[in-house]
């Protein structure tokens, strides 16, 4: 069996990131061994990831170095503050 080297992940943006980018989500095809940071760079090559942006993979906090798998959901959101 030949292994497919392209995966599709769902990307979600929240709060001010959603407003800034003008959309709530994307679907993105990536190669195997793609990290969360590489997903952002691939989708938004002209827009650096804002400082302190948080990421989640499948609704669990993730580092920007975490690799994704086919079908994963990756979310980007600004840090949450409260009082």
C-alpha atoms as a PDB file:
ATOM      1  CA  UNK A   1       0.000   0.000   0.000  1.00  0.00           C
ATOM      2  CA  UNK A   2       1.306   3.465  -0.893  1.00  0.00           C
ATOM      3  CA  UNK A   3       1.039   5.949   1.917  1.00  0.00           C
ATOM      4  CA  UNK A   4      -0.482   9.318   1.025  1.00  0.00           C
ATOM      5  CA  UNK A   5       1.926  12.114   1.902  1.00  0.00           C
ATOM      6  CA  UNK A   6      -0.670  14.914   1.899  1.00  0.00           C
ATOM      7  CA  UNK A   7      -3.031  15.528   4.796  1.00  0.00           C
ATOM      8  CA  UNK A   8      -5.940  17.890   5.313  1.00  0.00           C
ATOM      9  CA  UNK A   9      -6.415  19.780   8.567  1.00  0.00           C
ATOM     10  CA  UNK A  10      -9.120  22.178   9.674  1.00  0.00           C
ATOM     11  CA  UNK A  11      -7.950  25.542  10.984  1.00  0.00           C
ATOM     12  CA  UNK A  12     -10.031  27.752  13.287  1.00  0.00           C
ATOM     13  CA  UNK A  13      -9.413  31.352  14.345  1.00  0.00           C
ATOM     14  CA  UNK A  14     -10.912  32.948  17.433  1.00  0.00           C
ATOM     15  CA  UNK A  15     -11.580  36.404  18.865  1.00  0.00           C
ATOM     16  CA  UNK A  16      -9.342  39.199  17.564  1.00  0.00           C
ATOM     17  CA  UNK A  17      -7.509  36.819  15.201  1.00  0.00           C
ATOM     18  CA  UNK A  18     -10.793  35.972  13.491  1.00  0.00           C
ATOM     19  CA  UNK A  19     -11.570  39.682  13.177  1.00  0.00           C
ATOM     20  CA  UNK A  20      -8.096  40.538  11.896  1.00  0.00           C
ATOM     21  CA  UNK A  21      -8.040  37.746   9.302  1.00  0.00           C
ATOM     22  CA  UNK A  22     -11.654  38.203   8.239  1.00  0.00           C
ATOM     23  CA  UNK A  23     -12.622  34.548   8.575  1.00  0.00           C
ATOM     24  CA  UNK A  24     -13.368  31.962  11.218  1.00  0.00           C
ATOM     25  CA  UNK A  25     -11.843  28.901   9.608  1.00  0.00           C
ATOM     26  CA  UNK A  26      -9.895  27.335   6.745  1.00  0.00           C
ATOM     27  CA  UNK A  27      -9.131  23.889   5.408  1.00  0.00           C
ATOM     28  CA  UNK A  28      -5.499  23.373   4.533  1.00  0.00           C
ATOM     29  CA  UNK A  29      -3.614  20.557   2.818  1.00  0.00           C
ATOM     30  CA  UNK A  30      -0.190  19.926   4.298  1.00  0.00           C
ATOM     31  CA  UNK A  31       2.622  17.429   4.004  1.00  0.00           C
ATOM     32  CA  UNK A  32       3.250  14.888   6.718  1.00  0.00           C
ATOM     33  CA  UNK A  33       5.369  16.175   9.606  1.00  0.00           C
ATOM     34  CA  UNK A  34       3.961  19.693   9.375  1.00  0.00           C
ATOM     35  CA  UNK A  35       3.999  21.711  12.591  1.00  0.00           C
ATOM     36  CA  UNK A  36       1.423  24.130  13.927  1.00  0.00           C
ATOM     37  CA  UNK A  37       3.798  27.037  13.199  1.00  0.00           C
ATOM     38  CA  UNK A  38       4.287  25.842   9.609  1.00  0.00           C
ATOM     39  CA  UNK A  39       0.534  25.776   9.106  1.00  0.00           C
ATOM     40  CA  UNK A  40       0.282  29.450  10.066  1.00  0.00           C
ATOM     41  CA  UNK A  41       3.236  30.326   7.826  1.00  0.00           C
ATOM     42  CA  UNK A  42       1.719  28.419   4.917  1.00  0.00           C
ATOM     43  CA  UNK A  43      -1.666  30.081   5.215  1.00  0.00           C
ATOM     44  CA  UNK A  44      -0.447  33.572   6.095  1.00  0.00           C
ATOM     45  CA  UNK A  45       3.066  34.010   4.642  1.00  0.00           C
ATOM     46  CA  UNK A  46       2.799  37.812   4.744  1.00  0.00           C
ATOM     47  CA  UNK A  47       1.351  37.917   8.286  1.00  0.00           C
ATOM     48  CA  UNK A  48       3.618  36.936  11.176  1.00  0.00           C
ATOM     49  CA  UNK A  49       1.983  35.008  13.994  1.00  0.00           C
ATOM     50  CA  UNK A  50       1.086  37.639  16.597  1.00  0.00           C
ATOM     51  CA  UNK A  51       3.098  37.441  19.840  1.00  0.00           C
ATOM     52  CA  UNK A  52       1.620  35.287  22.602  1.00  0.00           C
ATOM     53  CA  UNK A  53      -0.841  33.582  20.249  1.00  0.00           C
ATOM     54  CA  UNK A  54      -2.042  30.297  21.723  1.00  0.00           C
ATOM     55  CA  UNK A  55      -2.606  27.149  19.692  1.00  0.00           C
ATOM     56  CA  UNK A  56      -4.620  24.013  20.223  1.00  0.00           C
ATOM     57  CA  UNK A  57      -4.735  20.719  18.359  1.00  0.00           C
ATOM     58  CA  UNK A  58      -7.972  18.801  18.724  1.00  0.00           C
ATOM     59  CA  UNK A  59      -9.081  21.105  21.561  1.00  0.00           C
ATOM     60  CA  UNK A  60      -5.934  20.637  23.677  1.00  0.00           C
ATOM     61  CA  UNK A  61      -3.266  23.298  24.121  1.00  0.00           C
ATOM     62  CA  UNK A  62      -0.316  22.619  21.843  1.00  0.00           C
ATOM     63  CA  UNK A  63       3.118  24.054  21.208  1.00  0.00           C
ATOM     64  CA  UNK A  64       3.882  25.666  17.882  1.00  0.00           C
ATOM     65  CA  UNK A  65       6.355  22.821  17.268  1.00  0.00           C
ATOM     66  CA  UNK A  66       3.722  20.091  17.576  1.00  0.00           C
ATOM     67  CA  UNK A  67       3.155  18.120  14.390  1.00  0.00           C
ATOM     68  CA  UNK A  68      -0.340  17.515  13.106  1.00  0.00           C
ATOM     69  CA  UNK A  69      -2.050  14.460  11.650  1.00  0.00           C
ATOM     70  CA  UNK A  70      -4.587  14.031   8.906  1.00  0.00           C
ATOM     71  CA  UNK A  71      -7.983  15.275  10.019  1.00  0.00           C
ATOM     72  CA  UNK A  72      -6.708  17.284  13.000  1.00  0.00           C
ATOM     73  CA  UNK A  73      -8.323  20.536  14.013  1.00  0.00           C
ATOM     74  CA  UNK A  74      -5.852  23.341  14.723  1.00  0.00           C
ATOM     75  CA  UNK A  75      -7.045  26.474  16.500  1.00  0.00           C
ATOM     76  CA  UNK A  76      -5.301  29.810  16.958  1.00  0.00           C
ATOM     77  CA  UNK A  77      -6.455  32.321  19.552  1.00  0.00           C
ATOM     78  CA  UNK A  78      -5.110  35.271  21.480  1.00  0.00           C
ATOM     79  CA  UNK A  79      -4.237  34.810  25.154  1.00  0.00           C
ATOM     80  CA  UNK A  80      -7.224  34.902  27.444  1.00  0.00           C
ATOM     81  CA  UNK A  81      -7.245  37.490  30.195  1.00  0.00           C
ATOM     82  CA  UNK A  82      -9.731  37.918  32.932  1.00  0.00           C
ATOM     83  CA  UNK A  83     -10.316  39.578  36.178  1.00  0.00           C
END
